[in-house]
Amino acid sequence: MVMYRVKQFYLAITSKVEEEDKKFINLYLDKNELDLFNKLPIYEQTHSLRTAKSVKEECFKHNIDDKKLIKAALLHDIGKIQNNLNVIDKSIIVLLDKITKGKAKKLSNIKKIDTYYNHGEKGYNTLKNYISDKKILKLVKEHHNASIVDDKELQILRECDSKN
């Protein structure tokens, strides 16, 4: 787990979106969605890109139509734009979560902690003004909700998010 977090931090501080990445994003997001996506910090954009590319691979393996799921993967962390979580903020919250064994969630009166823990709901509330597709909205909202176990697409999104 420690090495995974070190890898995440390294990827975050060395992130850049290449021209090829922009072409991939443009295949799945319309102008309004792209404007929202571009409000994410670069490290969140690259995380979402890695997640979306992993989703594409998984969909191919399972013969699942990937368009909606890739769009959801690109936008799954859009709720984080509300309080500008930077790499250091996120790292501190992750450490705090680990040290307190999840009890840091109770500090949700602190805006950045609230955003970290509730970005799925916040993303849903943001995206419902731009996207009418209920499946995409559900995927964004529930991507950290482990109690939903009977949704194959949500499971794929969660797994790809976790490994990226």
N, C-alpha and C. Protein backbone atom coordinates (compact mmCIF):
# COMPACT_ATOMS: atom_id res chain seq x y z
N MET A 1 0.82 -1.19 0.00
CA MET A 1 0.00 0.00 0.00
C MET A 1 0.87 1.26 0.00
N VAL A 2 1.95 1.24 0.75
CA VAL A 2 2.83 2.41 0.81
C VAL A 2 3.44 2.69 -0.57
N MET A 3 3.90 1.66 -1.24
CA MET A 3 4.50 1.85 -2.56
C MET A 3 3.48 2.35 -3.57
N TYR A 4 2.26 1.89 -3.45
CA TYR A 4 1.18 2.36 -4.32
C TYR A 4 0.98 3.86 -4.14
N ARG A 5 0.97 4.31 -2.89
CA ARG A 5 0.78 5.74 -2.62
C ARG A 5 1.99 6.56 -3.09
N VAL A 6 3.19 6.01 -2.95
CA VAL A 6 4.39 6.69 -3.44
C VAL A 6 4.31 6.81 -4.97
N LYS A 7 3.89 5.74 -5.62
CA LYS A 7 3.72 5.75 -7.08
C LYS A 7 2.68 6.81 -7.47
N GLN A 8 1.55 6.85 -6.75
CA GLN A 8 0.51 7.85 -7.03
C GLN A 8 1.07 9.26 -6.93
N PHE A 9 1.82 9.51 -5.87
CA PHE A 9 2.39 10.85 -5.65
C PHE A 9 3.36 11.18 -6.79
N TYR A 10 4.22 10.24 -7.15
CA TYR A 10 5.17 10.46 -8.24
C TYR A 10 4.44 10.78 -9.55
N LEU A 11 3.42 9.97 -9.87
CA LEU A 11 2.65 10.21 -11.09
C LEU A 11 1.99 11.59 -11.06
N ALA A 12 1.52 11.99 -9.89
CA ALA A 12 0.85 13.28 -9.76
C ALA A 12 1.81 14.44 -10.03
N ILE A 13 3.00 14.37 -9.46
CA ILE A 13 3.92 15.51 -9.61
C ILE A 13 4.62 15.54 -10.97
N THR A 14 4.55 14.45 -11.71
CA THR A 14 5.19 14.41 -13.03
C THR A 14 4.16 14.41 -14.16
N SER A 15 2.92 14.69 -13.84
CA SER A 15 1.82 14.60 -14.81
C SER A 15 1.91 15.63 -15.91
N LYS A 16 1.55 15.19 -17.11
CA LYS A 16 1.32 16.11 -18.22
C LYS A 16 0.37 15.44 -19.20
N VAL A 17 -0.43 16.26 -19.84
CA VAL A 17 -1.38 15.77 -20.83
C VAL A 17 -0.76 16.00 -22.20
N GLU A 18 -0.54 14.90 -22.90
CA GLU A 18 0.10 14.95 -24.22
C GLU A 18 -0.95 15.17 -25.31
N GLU A 19 -0.49 15.48 -26.51
CA GLU A 19 -1.40 15.71 -27.65
C GLU A 19 -2.25 14.47 -27.93
N GLU A 20 -1.65 13.31 -27.84
CA GLU A 20 -2.38 12.05 -28.05
C GLU A 20 -3.50 11.89 -27.01
N ASP A 21 -3.22 12.30 -25.78
CA ASP A 21 -4.23 12.26 -24.72
C ASP A 21 -5.40 13.18 -25.05
N LYS A 22 -5.10 14.36 -25.56
CA LYS A 22 -6.15 15.32 -25.92
C LYS A 22 -7.06 14.75 -27.02
N LYS A 23 -6.46 14.06 -27.97
CA LYS A 23 -7.25 13.42 -29.03
C LYS A 23 -8.18 12.37 -28.44
N PHE A 24 -7.67 11.57 -27.51
CA PHE A 24 -8.49 10.56 -26.85
C PHE A 24 -9.66 11.21 -26.11
N ILE A 25 -9.38 12.24 -25.35
CA ILE A 25 -10.42 12.95 -24.58
C ILE A 25 -11.49 13.50 -25.52
N ASN A 26 -11.05 14.10 -26.62
CA ASN A 26 -12.00 14.70 -27.57
C ASN A 26 -12.91 13.69 -28.25
N LEU A 27 -12.53 12.42 -28.25
CA LEU A 27 -13.39 11.38 -28.80
C LEU A 27 -14.62 11.14 -27.92
N TYR A 28 -14.51 11.46 -26.64
CA TYR A 28 -15.56 11.08 -25.69
C TYR A 28 -16.28 12.24 -25.01
N LEU A 29 -15.68 13.41 -24.97
CA LEU A 29 -16.29 14.54 -24.28
C LEU A 29 -16.73 15.62 -25.26
N ASP A 30 -17.91 16.19 -25.01
CA ASP A 30 -18.33 17.33 -25.82
C ASP A 30 -17.69 18.60 -25.25
N LYS A 31 -17.95 19.73 -25.86
CA LYS A 31 -17.29 20.97 -25.48
C LYS A 31 -17.52 21.34 -24.01
N ASN A 32 -18.76 21.26 -23.53
CA ASN A 32 -19.06 21.60 -22.14
C ASN A 32 -18.38 20.64 -21.16
N GLU A 33 -18.41 19.37 -21.49
CA GLU A 33 -17.75 18.37 -20.64
C GLU A 33 -16.24 18.60 -20.63
N LEU A 34 -15.69 18.93 -21.79
CA LEU A 34 -14.26 19.21 -21.90
C LEU A 34 -13.88 20.44 -21.08
N ASP A 35 -14.72 21.46 -21.11
CA ASP A 35 -14.47 22.66 -20.29
C ASP A 35 -14.41 22.29 -18.81
N LEU A 36 -15.31 21.43 -18.36
CA LEU A 36 -15.29 20.97 -16.97
C LEU A 36 -14.02 20.15 -16.69
N PHE A 37 -13.74 19.21 -17.58
CA PHE A 37 -12.55 18.36 -17.43
C PHE A 37 -11.29 19.21 -17.29
N ASN A 38 -11.19 20.26 -18.07
CA ASN A 38 -10.00 21.12 -18.05
C ASN A 38 -9.88 21.95 -16.77
N LYS A 39 -10.93 21.98 -15.95
CA LYS A 39 -10.86 22.65 -14.64
C LYS A 39 -10.17 21.77 -13.60
N LEU A 40 -10.07 20.47 -13.88
CA LEU A 40 -9.33 19.58 -12.98
C LEU A 40 -7.85 19.91 -13.04
N PRO A 41 -7.15 19.76 -11.91
CA PRO A 41 -5.69 19.91 -11.98
C PRO A 41 -5.11 18.85 -12.93
N ILE A 42 -3.97 19.13 -13.50
CA ILE A 42 -3.35 18.21 -14.46
C ILE A 42 -3.20 16.80 -13.88
N TYR A 43 -2.82 16.70 -12.61
CA TYR A 43 -2.63 15.36 -12.04
C TYR A 43 -3.95 14.59 -11.98
N GLU A 44 -5.08 15.26 -11.79
CA GLU A 44 -6.39 14.59 -11.80
C GLU A 44 -6.80 14.26 -13.24
N GLN A 45 -6.44 15.13 -14.18
CA GLN A 45 -6.72 14.83 -15.58
C GLN A 45 -5.99 13.56 -16.01
N THR A 46 -4.71 13.47 -15.67
CA THR A 46 -3.96 12.28 -16.09
C THR A 46 -4.44 11.03 -15.36
N HIS A 47 -4.84 11.17 -14.11
CA HIS A 47 -5.42 10.02 -13.39
C HIS A 47 -6.70 9.57 -14.11
N SER A 48 -7.53 10.52 -14.48
CA SER A 48 -8.78 10.18 -15.17
C SER A 48 -8.51 9.57 -16.54
N LEU A 49 -7.49 10.06 -17.22
CA LEU A 49 -7.09 9.47 -18.51
C LEU A 49 -6.62 8.03 -18.35
N ARG A 50 -5.75 7.79 -17.35
CA ARG A 50 -5.29 6.42 -17.11
C ARG A 50 -6.47 5.51 -16.77
N THR A 51 -7.38 6.03 -15.97
CA THR A 51 -8.58 5.26 -15.60
C THR A 51 -9.41 4.95 -16.84
N ALA A 52 -9.63 5.95 -17.69
CA ALA A 52 -10.44 5.76 -18.89
C ALA A 52 -9.80 4.76 -19.85
N LYS A 53 -8.48 4.83 -19.99
CA LYS A 53 -7.80 3.88 -20.89
C LYS A 53 -7.86 2.46 -20.33
N SER A 54 -7.79 2.32 -19.02
CA SER A 54 -7.95 1.00 -18.40
C SER A 54 -9.37 0.49 -18.59
N VAL A 55 -10.34 1.39 -18.47
CA VAL A 55 -11.75 1.04 -18.69
C VAL A 55 -11.92 0.52 -20.12
N LYS A 56 -11.32 1.21 -21.07
CA LYS A 56 -11.43 0.80 -22.48
C LYS A 56 -10.91 -0.63 -22.67
N GLU A 57 -9.78 -0.93 -22.05
CA GLU A 57 -9.21 -2.29 -22.13
C GLU A 57 -10.15 -3.32 -21.51
N GLU A 58 -10.68 -3.00 -20.33
CA GLU A 58 -11.59 -3.93 -19.65
C GLU A 58 -12.88 -4.15 -20.44
N CYS A 59 -13.39 -3.10 -21.03
CA CYS A 59 -14.62 -3.23 -21.83
C CYS A 59 -14.36 -4.14 -23.03
N PHE A 60 -13.20 -4.00 -23.64
CA PHE A 60 -12.85 -4.87 -24.77
C PHE A 60 -12.81 -6.33 -24.32
N LYS A 61 -12.19 -6.59 -23.17
CA LYS A 61 -12.09 -7.96 -22.64
C LYS A 61 -13.45 -8.58 -22.36
N HIS A 62 -14.40 -7.74 -21.89
CA HIS A 62 -15.71 -8.24 -21.48
C HIS A 62 -16.79 -7.98 -22.53
N ASN A 63 -16.38 -7.51 -23.71
CA ASN A 63 -17.31 -7.25 -24.80
C ASN A 63 -18.46 -6.32 -24.36
N ILE A 64 -18.08 -5.22 -23.71
CA ILE A 64 -19.04 -4.22 -23.23
C ILE A 64 -18.87 -2.96 -24.06
N ASP A 65 -19.98 -2.33 -24.45
CA ASP A 65 -19.91 -1.04 -25.15
C ASP A 65 -19.24 -0.04 -24.21
N ASP A 66 -18.21 0.60 -24.67
CA ASP A 66 -17.36 1.38 -23.77
C ASP A 66 -17.61 2.89 -23.76
N LYS A 67 -18.40 3.43 -24.67
CA LYS A 67 -18.52 4.89 -24.81
C LYS A 67 -18.96 5.59 -23.52
N LYS A 68 -20.06 5.15 -22.92
CA LYS A 68 -20.56 5.79 -21.70
C LYS A 68 -19.60 5.58 -20.54
N LEU A 69 -19.05 4.39 -20.45
CA LEU A 69 -18.15 4.07 -19.34
C LEU A 69 -16.85 4.87 -19.43
N ILE A 70 -16.35 5.07 -20.64
CA ILE A 70 -15.14 5.88 -20.79
C ILE A 70 -15.43 7.34 -20.45
N LYS A 71 -16.58 7.85 -20.88
CA LYS A 71 -16.96 9.22 -20.52
C LYS A 71 -17.05 9.36 -19.01
N ALA A 72 -17.68 8.38 -18.35
CA ALA A 72 -17.79 8.40 -16.89
C ALA A 72 -16.40 8.36 -16.25
N ALA A 73 -15.50 7.56 -16.80
CA ALA A 73 -14.14 7.47 -16.26
C ALA A 73 -13.40 8.80 -16.39
N LEU A 74 -13.57 9.46 -17.51
CA LEU A 74 -12.93 10.76 -17.69
C LEU A 74 -13.48 11.80 -16.72
N LEU A 75 -14.73 11.66 -16.35
CA LEU A 75 -15.39 12.67 -15.51
C LEU A 75 -15.61 12.23 -14.07
N HIS A 76 -15.15 11.04 -13.70
CA HIS A 76 -15.51 10.48 -12.39
C HIS A 76 -15.05 11.31 -11.20
N ASP A 77 -13.99 12.08 -11.34
CA ASP A 77 -13.49 12.90 -10.22
C ASP A 77 -13.80 14.38 -10.39
N ILE A 78 -14.75 14.71 -11.26
CA ILE A 78 -15.04 16.11 -11.56
C ILE A 78 -15.51 16.88 -10.33
N GLY A 79 -16.04 16.19 -9.34
CA GLY A 79 -16.47 16.84 -8.10
C GLY A 79 -15.32 17.48 -7.33
N LYS A 80 -14.11 17.10 -7.66
CA LYS A 80 -12.94 17.66 -6.97
C LYS A 80 -12.61 19.08 -7.43
N ILE A 81 -13.27 19.58 -8.47
CA ILE A 81 -12.97 20.94 -8.93
C ILE A 81 -13.51 21.98 -7.96
N GLN A 82 -14.42 21.60 -7.09
CA GLN A 82 -15.07 22.58 -6.21
C GLN A 82 -14.13 23.23 -5.21
N ASN A 83 -13.17 22.53 -4.69
CA ASN A 83 -12.30 23.12 -3.66
C ASN A 83 -10.82 22.94 -3.95
N ASN A 84 -10.48 22.85 -5.22
CA ASN A 84 -9.08 22.80 -5.65
C ASN A 84 -8.18 21.96 -4.76
N LEU A 85 -8.43 20.67 -4.73
CA LEU A 85 -7.54 19.76 -4.01
C LEU A 85 -6.25 19.63 -4.79
N ASN A 86 -5.15 20.11 -4.22
CA ASN A 86 -3.88 19.94 -4.90
C ASN A 86 -3.21 18.65 -4.40
N VAL A 87 -2.07 18.33 -4.96
CA VAL A 87 -1.38 17.07 -4.64
C VAL A 87 -1.05 16.99 -3.14
N ILE A 88 -0.61 18.07 -2.57
CA ILE A 88 -0.24 18.08 -1.14
C ILE A 88 -1.49 17.90 -0.27
N ASP A 89 -2.55 18.64 -0.59
CA ASP A 89 -3.81 18.48 0.16
C ASP A 89 -4.26 17.03 0.14
N LYS A 90 -4.29 16.47 -1.06
CA LYS A 90 -4.76 15.08 -1.21
C LYS A 90 -3.87 14.12 -0.43
N SER A 91 -2.57 14.32 -0.49
CA SER A 91 -1.63 13.45 0.22
C SER A 91 -1.86 13.52 1.73
N ILE A 92 -2.05 14.72 2.23
CA ILE A 92 -2.30 14.89 3.67
C ILE A 92 -3.60 14.21 4.07
N ILE A 93 -4.64 14.37 3.26
CA ILE A 93 -5.93 13.75 3.58
C ILE A 93 -5.82 12.23 3.53
N VAL A 94 -5.11 11.70 2.56
CA VAL A 94 -4.92 10.25 2.46
C VAL A 94 -4.19 9.73 3.70
N LEU A 95 -3.14 10.43 4.11
CA LEU A 95 -2.40 10.04 5.32
C LEU A 95 -3.28 10.15 6.56
N LEU A 96 -4.01 11.22 6.66
CA LEU A 96 -4.93 11.42 7.78
C LEU A 96 -5.98 10.32 7.83
N ASP A 97 -6.49 9.95 6.68
CA ASP A 97 -7.47 8.86 6.60
C ASP A 97 -6.86 7.55 7.09
N LYS A 98 -5.64 7.29 6.68
CA LYS A 98 -4.95 6.06 7.07
C LYS A 98 -4.68 6.05 8.58
N ILE A 99 -4.17 7.14 9.10
CA ILE A 99 -3.84 7.23 10.53
C ILE A 99 -5.09 7.10 11.40
N THR A 100 -6.18 7.72 10.95
CA THR A 100 -7.41 7.71 11.76
C THR A 100 -8.33 6.53 11.43
N LYS A 101 -7.86 5.67 10.52
CA LYS A 101 -8.65 4.51 10.08
C LYS A 101 -10.04 4.92 9.60
N GLY A 102 -10.07 5.97 8.78
CA GLY A 102 -11.31 6.43 8.16
C GLY A 102 -12.10 7.44 8.96
N LYS A 103 -11.68 7.70 10.19
CA LYS A 103 -12.43 8.64 11.03
C LYS A 103 -12.27 10.09 10.59
N ALA A 104 -11.29 10.36 9.74
CA ALA A 104 -11.10 11.72 9.23
C ALA A 104 -12.33 12.18 8.45
N LYS A 105 -13.11 11.24 7.97
CA LYS A 105 -14.33 11.57 7.22
C LYS A 105 -15.28 12.43 8.06
N LYS A 106 -15.20 12.28 9.38
CA LYS A 106 -16.05 13.06 10.28
C LYS A 106 -15.69 14.55 10.26
N LEU A 107 -14.54 14.88 9.70
CA LEU A 107 -14.10 16.28 9.63
C LEU A 107 -14.61 16.94 8.35
N SER A 108 -15.75 16.49 7.86
CA SER A 108 -16.25 16.98 6.58
C SER A 108 -16.71 18.43 6.63
N ASN A 109 -16.67 19.06 7.80
CA ASN A 109 -16.93 20.50 7.87
C ASN A 109 -15.75 21.28 7.28
N ILE A 110 -14.61 20.62 7.10
CA ILE A 110 -13.46 21.22 6.42
C ILE A 110 -13.66 20.96 4.92
N LYS A 111 -13.73 22.02 4.14
CA LYS A 111 -14.15 21.92 2.74
C LYS A 111 -13.32 20.93 1.92
N LYS A 112 -12.01 20.94 2.07
CA LYS A 112 -11.18 20.05 1.27
C LYS A 112 -11.39 18.59 1.66
N ILE A 113 -11.60 18.33 2.93
CA ILE A 113 -11.88 16.96 3.37
C ILE A 113 -13.25 16.53 2.85
N ASP A 114 -14.21 17.43 2.91
CA ASP A 114 -15.55 17.14 2.38
C ASP A 114 -15.46 16.82 0.89
N THR A 115 -14.70 17.60 0.15
CA THR A 115 -14.55 17.36 -1.28
C THR A 115 -13.90 16.01 -1.54
N TYR A 116 -12.86 15.67 -0.79
CA TYR A 116 -12.17 14.40 -0.98
C TYR A 116 -13.14 13.22 -0.79
N TYR A 117 -13.89 13.24 0.29
CA TYR A 117 -14.77 12.12 0.60
C TYR A 117 -16.07 12.11 -0.19
N ASN A 118 -16.52 13.27 -0.62
CA ASN A 118 -17.84 13.36 -1.25
C ASN A 118 -17.78 13.84 -2.70
N HIS A 119 -16.65 13.65 -3.35
CA HIS A 119 -16.51 14.16 -4.72
C HIS A 119 -17.42 13.44 -5.71
N GLY A 120 -17.82 12.22 -5.43
CA GLY A 120 -18.75 11.52 -6.32
C GLY A 120 -20.10 12.22 -6.37
N GLU A 121 -20.62 12.52 -5.19
CA GLU A 121 -21.90 13.24 -5.09
C GLU A 121 -21.77 14.65 -5.69
N LYS A 122 -20.67 15.31 -5.40
CA LYS A 122 -20.45 16.66 -5.92
C LYS A 122 -20.34 16.63 -7.45
N GLY A 123 -19.66 15.61 -7.95
CA GLY A 123 -19.54 15.47 -9.40
C GLY A 123 -20.89 15.22 -10.05
N TYR A 124 -21.69 14.37 -9.43
CA TYR A 124 -23.05 14.11 -9.90
C TYR A 124 -23.83 15.42 -9.97
N ASN A 125 -23.78 16.21 -8.91
CA ASN A 125 -24.53 17.47 -8.86
C ASN A 125 -24.05 18.47 -9.91
N THR A 126 -22.77 18.45 -10.20
CA THR A 126 -22.23 19.32 -11.26
C THR A 126 -22.65 18.83 -12.63
N LEU A 127 -22.47 17.53 -12.87
CA LEU A 127 -22.71 16.98 -14.20
C LEU A 127 -24.18 16.92 -14.60
N LYS A 128 -25.08 16.85 -13.64
CA LYS A 128 -26.50 16.74 -14.02
C LYS A 128 -26.98 17.98 -14.76
N ASN A 129 -26.22 19.07 -14.71
CA ASN A 129 -26.52 20.26 -15.49
C ASN A 129 -26.02 20.17 -16.93
N TYR A 130 -25.20 19.15 -17.22
CA TYR A 130 -24.58 19.01 -18.53
C TYR A 130 -24.90 17.70 -19.23
N ILE A 131 -25.19 16.68 -18.44
CA ILE A 131 -25.38 15.33 -18.96
C ILE A 131 -26.75 14.83 -18.52
N SER A 132 -27.50 14.30 -19.46
CA SER A 132 -28.81 13.76 -19.10
C SER A 132 -28.80 12.24 -18.94
N ASP A 133 -27.72 11.60 -19.36
CA ASP A 133 -27.64 10.14 -19.29
C ASP A 133 -27.53 9.68 -17.84
N LYS A 134 -28.57 9.01 -17.38
CA LYS A 134 -28.64 8.58 -15.97
C LYS A 134 -27.55 7.57 -15.61
N LYS A 135 -27.14 6.74 -16.55
CA LYS A 135 -26.10 5.74 -16.27
C LYS A 135 -24.76 6.42 -15.99
N ILE A 136 -24.40 7.39 -16.80
CA ILE A 136 -23.14 8.11 -16.59
C ILE A 136 -23.17 8.82 -15.24
N LEU A 137 -24.28 9.48 -14.97
CA LEU A 137 -24.43 10.20 -13.69
C LEU A 137 -24.31 9.24 -12.51
N LYS A 138 -24.93 8.07 -12.62
CA LYS A 138 -24.86 7.07 -11.54
C LYS A 138 -23.42 6.59 -11.36
N LEU A 139 -22.72 6.34 -12.45
CA LEU A 139 -21.34 5.87 -12.36
C LEU A 139 -20.45 6.88 -11.63
N VAL A 140 -20.62 8.15 -11.97
CA VAL A 140 -19.82 9.20 -11.32
C VAL A 140 -20.19 9.29 -9.84
N LYS A 141 -21.46 9.30 -9.54
CA LYS A 141 -21.93 9.46 -8.17
C LYS A 141 -21.50 8.29 -7.28
N GLU A 142 -21.58 7.09 -7.80
CA GLU A 142 -21.40 5.89 -6.98
C GLU A 142 -20.04 5.21 -7.10
N HIS A 143 -19.07 5.85 -7.75
CA HIS A 143 -17.82 5.13 -8.03
C HIS A 143 -17.01 4.76 -6.78
N HIS A 144 -17.36 5.31 -5.62
CA HIS A 144 -16.72 4.88 -4.37
C HIS A 144 -17.69 4.17 -3.43
N ASN A 145 -18.90 3.91 -3.89
CA ASN A 145 -19.92 3.26 -3.07
C ASN A 145 -19.77 1.74 -3.19
N ALA A 146 -19.09 1.14 -2.24
CA ALA A 146 -18.81 -0.29 -2.27
C ALA A 146 -20.04 -1.15 -1.99
N SER A 147 -21.12 -0.55 -1.55
CA SER A 147 -22.31 -1.35 -1.23
C SER A 147 -23.08 -1.76 -2.48
N ILE A 148 -22.80 -1.15 -3.61
CA ILE A 148 -23.44 -1.55 -4.87
C ILE A 148 -22.53 -2.59 -5.52
N VAL A 149 -22.98 -3.82 -5.58
CA VAL A 149 -22.13 -4.91 -6.06
C VAL A 149 -22.66 -5.58 -7.33
N ASP A 150 -23.86 -5.24 -7.75
CA ASP A 150 -24.47 -5.93 -8.88
C ASP A 150 -24.43 -5.14 -10.19
N ASP A 151 -23.50 -4.22 -10.31
CA ASP A 151 -23.39 -3.39 -11.50
C ASP A 151 -21.99 -3.59 -12.10
N LYS A 152 -21.93 -4.34 -13.19
CA LYS A 152 -20.66 -4.71 -13.81
C LYS A 152 -19.87 -3.47 -14.27
N GLU A 153 -20.56 -2.49 -14.85
CA GLU A 153 -19.86 -1.29 -15.32
C GLU A 153 -19.29 -0.49 -14.15
N LEU A 154 -20.06 -0.38 -13.08
CA LEU A 154 -19.57 0.32 -11.89
C LEU A 154 -18.37 -0.42 -11.30
N GLN A 155 -18.43 -1.72 -11.31
CA GLN A 155 -17.31 -2.53 -10.81
C GLN A 155 -16.06 -2.29 -11.65
N ILE A 156 -16.21 -2.23 -12.96
CA ILE A 156 -15.07 -1.97 -13.84
C ILE A 156 -14.49 -0.58 -13.55
N LEU A 157 -15.36 0.42 -13.43
CA LEU A 157 -14.88 1.78 -13.14
C LEU A 157 -14.12 1.81 -11.83
N ARG A 158 -14.67 1.18 -10.79
CA ARG A 158 -14.01 1.16 -9.47
C ARG A 158 -12.63 0.51 -9.55
N GLU A 159 -12.58 -0.65 -10.22
CA GLU A 159 -11.29 -1.37 -10.32
C GLU A 159 -10.26 -0.55 -11.08
N CYS A 160 -10.67 0.06 -12.17
CA CYS A 160 -9.74 0.86 -12.98
C CYS A 160 -9.32 2.12 -12.23
N ASP A 161 -10.24 2.72 -11.50
CA ASP A 161 -9.92 3.89 -10.68
C ASP A 161 -8.89 3.51 -9.61
N SER A 162 -9.12 2.39 -8.96
CA SER A 162 -8.24 1.96 -7.87
C SER A 162 -6.81 1.66 -8.34
N LYS A 163 -6.67 1.13 -9.53
CA LYS A 163 -5.32 0.79 -9.98
C LYS A 163 -4.61 1.94 -10.68
N ASN A 164 -5.28 3.09 -10.81
CA ASN A 164 -4.67 4.23 -11.47
C ASN A 164 -4.58 5.44 -10.58
